[in-house]
C-alpha atoms as a PDB file:
ATOM      1  CA  MET A   1      90.491-156.218 -14.925  1.00  0.00           C
ATOM      2  CA  ASP A   2      91.598-154.381 -18.051  1.00  0.00           C
ATOM      3  CA  PRO A   3      90.531-150.711 -17.810  1.00  0.00           C
ATOM      4  CA  PHE A   4      89.776-150.785 -21.538  1.00  0.00           C
ATOM      5  CA  GLY A   5      87.288-153.661 -21.222  1.00  0.00           C
ATOM      6  CA  ILE A   6      84.369-151.261 -20.909  1.00  0.00           C
ATOM      7  CA  PHE A   7      85.247-149.884 -24.343  1.00  0.00           C
ATOM      8  CA  LYS A   8      84.989-153.402 -25.745  1.00  0.00           C
ATOM      9  CA  VAL A   9      81.537-153.785 -24.178  1.00  0.00           C
ATOM     10  CA  SER A  10      80.332-150.487 -25.672  1.00  0.00           C
ATOM     11  CA  ALA A  11      81.864-151.366 -29.045  1.00  0.00           C
ATOM     12  CA  SER A  12      80.027-154.709 -29.076  1.00  0.00           C
ATOM     13  CA  GLY A  13      76.755-152.877 -28.403  1.00  0.00           C
ATOM     14  CA  LEU A  14      77.457-150.400 -31.190  1.00  0.00           C
ATOM     15  CA  GLN A  15      78.184-153.205 -33.628  1.00  0.00           C
ATOM     16  CA  ALA A  16      75.041-155.149 -32.665  1.00  0.00           C
ATOM     17  CA  GLN A  17      72.821-152.074 -33.053  1.00  0.00           C
ATOM     18  CA  ARG A  18      74.410-151.279 -36.408  1.00  0.00           C
ATOM     19  CA  THR A  19      73.492-154.771 -37.626  1.00  0.00           C
ATOM     20  CA  ARG A  20      69.955-154.277 -36.310  1.00  0.00           C
ATOM     21  CA  MET A  21      69.671-150.934 -38.141  1.00  0.00           C
ATOM     22  CA  ASN A  22      70.866-152.536 -41.386  1.00  0.00           C
ATOM     23  CA  LEU A  23      68.190-155.231 -41.084  1.00  0.00           C
ATOM     24  CA  ILE A  24      65.498-152.638 -40.400  1.00  0.00           C
ATOM     25  CA  ALA A  25      66.619-150.639 -43.456  1.00  0.00           C
ATOM     26  CA  SER A  26      66.476-153.813 -45.552  1.00  0.00           C
ATOM     27  CA  ASN A  27      62.974-154.570 -44.262  1.00  0.00           C
ATOM     28  CA  MET A  28      61.756-151.084 -45.154  1.00  0.00           C
ATOM     29  CA  ALA A  29      63.410-151.157 -48.575  1.00  0.00           C
ATOM     30  CA  ASN A  30      61.722-154.475 -49.375  1.00  0.00           C
ATOM     31  CA  ALA A  31      58.287-153.716 -47.914  1.00  0.00           C
ATOM     32  CA  HIS A  32      56.740-154.094 -51.396  1.00  0.00           C
ATOM     33  CA  THR A  33      58.988-156.834 -52.827  1.00  0.00           C
ATOM     34  CA  THR A  34      56.714-159.602 -54.073  1.00  0.00           C
ATOM     35  CA  ARG A  35      59.320-161.820 -55.730  1.00  0.00           C
ATOM     36  CA  THR A  36      62.625-163.014 -54.259  1.00  0.00           C
ATOM     37  CA  GLU A  37      65.266-165.506 -55.408  1.00  0.00           C
ATOM     38  CA  GLN A  38      63.856-168.028 -52.906  1.00  0.00           C
ATOM     39  CA  GLY A  39      60.372-167.544 -54.360  1.00  0.00           C
ATOM     40  CA  GLY A  40      57.485-165.643 -52.849  1.00  0.00           C
ATOM     41  CA  PRO A  41      57.517-162.272 -51.139  1.00  0.00           C
ATOM     42  CA  TYR A  42      60.345-160.859 -49.034  1.00  0.00           C
ATOM     43  CA  LYS A  43      60.326-162.035 -45.418  1.00  0.00           C
ATOM     44  CA  ARG A  44      61.039-159.561 -42.629  1.00  0.00           C
ATOM     45  CA  LYS A  45      64.358-160.146 -40.877  1.00  0.00           C
ATOM     46  CA  ASP A  46      65.259-159.467 -37.257  1.00  0.00           C
ATOM     47  CA  ALA A  47      68.410-159.759 -35.151  1.00  0.00           C
ATOM     48  CA  VAL A  48      68.600-161.979 -32.088  1.00  0.00           C
ATOM     49  CA  PHE A  49      71.009-160.648 -29.461  1.00  0.00           C
ATOM     50  CA  SER A  50      72.899-162.699 -26.900  1.00  0.00           C
ATOM     51  CA  ALA A  51      75.564-162.073 -24.285  1.00  0.00           C
ATOM     52  CA  ALA A  52      79.106-162.650 -25.454  1.00  0.00           C
ATOM     53  CA  PRO A  53      82.305-162.522 -23.403  1.00  0.00           C
ATOM     54  CA  VAL A  54      84.658-159.757 -24.485  1.00  0.00           C
ATOM     55  CA  GLU A  55      87.273-160.299 -21.801  1.00  0.00           C
ATOM     56  CA  GLU A  56      88.220-162.777 -19.094  1.00  0.00           C
ATOM     57  CA  THR A  57      90.636-162.106 -16.256  1.00  0.00           C
ATOM     58  CA  ARG A  58      91.018-163.819 -12.881  1.00  0.00           C
ATOM     59  CA  ASN A  59      87.629-165.482 -12.538  1.00  0.00           C
ATOM     60  CA  GLU A  60      85.883-162.367 -13.874  1.00  0.00           C
ATOM     61  CA  GLU A  61      84.080-162.321 -17.146  1.00  0.00           C
ATOM     62  CA  LEU A  62      83.083-159.121 -18.910  1.00  0.00           C
ATOM     63  CA  ASP A  63      80.112-159.634 -21.230  1.00  0.00           C
ATOM     64  CA  GLY A  64      79.129-157.597 -24.233  1.00  0.00           C
ATOM     65  CA  VAL A  65      76.453-158.283 -26.807  1.00  0.00           C
ATOM     66  CA  LYS A  66      76.497-159.960 -30.192  1.00  0.00           C
ATOM     67  CA  VAL A  67      74.020-160.819 -32.898  1.00  0.00           C
ATOM     68  CA  SER A  68      73.715-164.561 -32.433  1.00  0.00           C
ATOM     69  CA  GLU A  69      71.492-165.047 -35.457  1.00  0.00           C
ATOM     70  CA  VAL A  70      69.314-163.305 -38.005  1.00  0.00           C
ATOM     71  CA  VAL A  71      65.833-164.806 -38.176  1.00  0.00           C
ATOM     72  CA  GLU A  72      63.129-164.488 -40.795  1.00  0.00           C
ATOM     73  CA  ASP A  73      59.606-163.642 -39.675  1.00  0.00           C
ATOM     74  CA  GLN A  74      57.368-166.633 -40.356  1.00  0.00           C
ATOM     75  CA  THR A  75      54.173-164.559 -40.423  1.00  0.00           C
ATOM     76  CA  PRO A  76      52.174-165.396 -43.554  1.00  0.00           C
ATOM     77  CA  PRO A  77      52.254-162.811 -46.330  1.00  0.00           C
ATOM     78  CA  GLN A  78      49.471-160.286 -46.741  1.00  0.00           C
ATOM     79  CA  MET A  79      47.233-161.048 -49.708  1.00  0.00           C
ATOM     80  CA  VAL A  80      46.318-157.961 -51.753  1.00  0.00           C
ATOM     81  CA  TYR A  81      43.839-157.974 -54.628  1.00  0.00           C
ATOM     82  CA  ASP A  82      45.654-156.652 -57.712  1.00  0.00           C
ATOM     83  CA  PRO A  83      44.748-158.717 -60.796  1.00  0.00           C
ATOM     84  CA  GLY A  84      47.008-156.612 -63.069  1.00  0.00           C
ATOM     85  CA  HIS A  85      50.163-157.373 -61.060  1.00  0.00           C
ATOM     86  CA  PRO A  86      52.576-159.823 -62.744  1.00  0.00           C
ATOM     87  CA  ASP A  87      52.796-161.897 -59.526  1.00  0.00           C
ATOM     88  CA  ALA A  88      49.018-162.197 -59.068  1.00  0.00           C
ATOM     89  CA  ASP A  89      47.614-165.703 -58.638  1.00  0.00           C
ATOM     90  CA  LYS A  90      44.693-167.057 -60.692  1.00  0.00           C
ATOM     91  CA  ASP A  91      42.232-165.238 -58.387  1.00  0.00           C
ATOM     92  CA  GLY A  92      44.038-161.889 -58.782  1.00  0.00           C
ATOM     93  CA  TYR A  93      45.690-161.828 -55.348  1.00  0.00           C
ATOM     94  CA  VAL A  94      49.339-160.904 -54.798  1.00  0.00           C
ATOM     95  CA  ALA A  95      51.322-162.145 -51.793  1.00  0.00           C
ATOM     96  CA  THR A  96      53.069-159.101 -50.306  1.00  0.00           C
ATOM     97  CA  PRO A  97      55.473-158.921 -47.367  1.00  0.00           C
ATOM     98  CA  ASN A  98      53.773-158.602 -44.003  1.00  0.00           C
ATOM     99  CA  ILE A  99      55.913-155.598 -43.030  1.00  0.00           C
ATOM    100  CA  SER A 100      54.495-152.681 -41.089  1.00  0.00           C
ATOM    101  CA  VAL A 101      56.459-149.541 -41.938  1.00  0.00           C
ATOM    102  CA  ILE A 102      55.204-147.963 -38.684  1.00  0.00           C
ATOM    103  CA  GLU A 103      56.529-150.903 -36.653  1.00  0.00           C
ATOM    104  CA  GLU A 104      59.852-150.751 -38.495  1.00  0.00           C
ATOM    105  CA  MET A 105      60.126-147.010 -37.772  1.00  0.00           C
ATOM    106  CA  ALA A 106      59.484-147.683 -34.074  1.00  0.00           C
ATOM    107  CA  ASN A 107      62.172-150.393 -34.127  1.00  0.00           C
ATOM    108  CA  MET A 108      64.531-147.960 -35.852  1.00  0.00           C
ATOM    109  CA  MET A 109      63.943-145.358 -33.135  1.00  0.00           C
ATOM    110  CA  MET A 110      64.671-147.946 -30.420  1.00  0.00           C
ATOM    111  CA  ALA A 111      67.844-149.087 -32.190  1.00  0.00           C
ATOM    112  CA  THR A 112      68.963-145.463 -32.586  1.00  0.00           C
ATOM    113  CA  ARG A 113      68.436-144.779 -28.885  1.00  0.00           C
ATOM    114  CA  ALA A 114      70.308-147.937 -27.915  1.00  0.00           C
ATOM    115  CA  TYR A 115      73.159-146.915 -30.223  1.00  0.00           C
ATOM    116  CA  GLU A 116      73.223-143.432 -28.657  1.00  0.00           C
ATOM    117  CA  ALA A 117      73.259-144.972 -25.161  1.00  0.00           C
ATOM    118  CA  ASN A 118      76.318-147.042 -26.103  1.00  0.00           C
ATOM    119  CA  VAL A 119      78.050-143.938 -27.465  1.00  0.00           C
ATOM    120  CA  ALA A 120      77.258-142.099 -24.223  1.00  0.00           C
ATOM    121  CA  ALA A 121      78.605-144.987 -22.111  1.00  0.00           C
ATOM    122  CA  PHE A 122      81.747-145.046 -24.243  1.00  0.00           C
ATOM    123  CA  ASN A 123      82.275-141.281 -23.837  1.00  0.00           C
ATOM    124  CA  ILE A 124      81.615-141.348 -20.082  1.00  0.00           C
ATOM    125  CA  SER A 125      84.070-144.212 -19.652  1.00  0.00           C
ATOM    126  CA  LYS A 126      86.648-142.304 -21.674  1.00  0.00           C
ATOM    127  CA  ALA A 127      86.152-139.189 -19.528  1.00  0.00           C
ATOM    128  CA  MET A 128      86.503-141.214 -16.304  1.00  0.00           C
ATOM    129  CA  LEU A 129      89.691-142.853 -17.574  1.00  0.00           C
ATOM    130  CA  MET A 130      91.109-139.458 -18.533  1.00  0.00           C
ATOM    131  CA  LYS A 131      90.303-138.081 -15.048  1.00  0.00           C
ATOM    132  CA  THR A 132      92.002-141.110 -13.496  1.00  0.00           C
ATOM    133  CA  LEU A 133      95.105-140.414 -15.555  1.00  0.00           C
ATOM    134  CA  GLU A 134      95.041-136.752 -14.473  1.00  0.00           C
ATOM    135  CA  ILE A 135      94.884-137.781 -10.804  1.00  0.00           C
ATOM    136  CA  GLY A 136      97.942-139.970 -11.311  1.00  0.00           C
ATOM    137  CA  ARG A 137     100.091-137.049 -12.467  1.00  0.00           C
END
């Protein structure tokens, strides 16, 4: 097994969490967007993770993580009464994204912790490899 394979695993986790953070930031930035190019309010997006091989050697497979797809939340929009809004329907209701800023903040905290855990694993692996090299001297 390649001693640098663990770095590839940590790097895949870092990349996946970065994508997740970007989606969360987009969700929060569009929490009040009532009109999109596709029509209707913005739909919350989320990353779906899956295992992905980063290295194969002699019947051993080293798996990392990847974002297999980005899905849109199919929850119906929240209807808010605002007859003066330009996107209000004939009854004065506006379809707004069903995004909870509190939920997005919780997701952001989880993504941050997962990112930090991957950084820690990367640094620990680097330290172990350096100690191994020192022993070999």
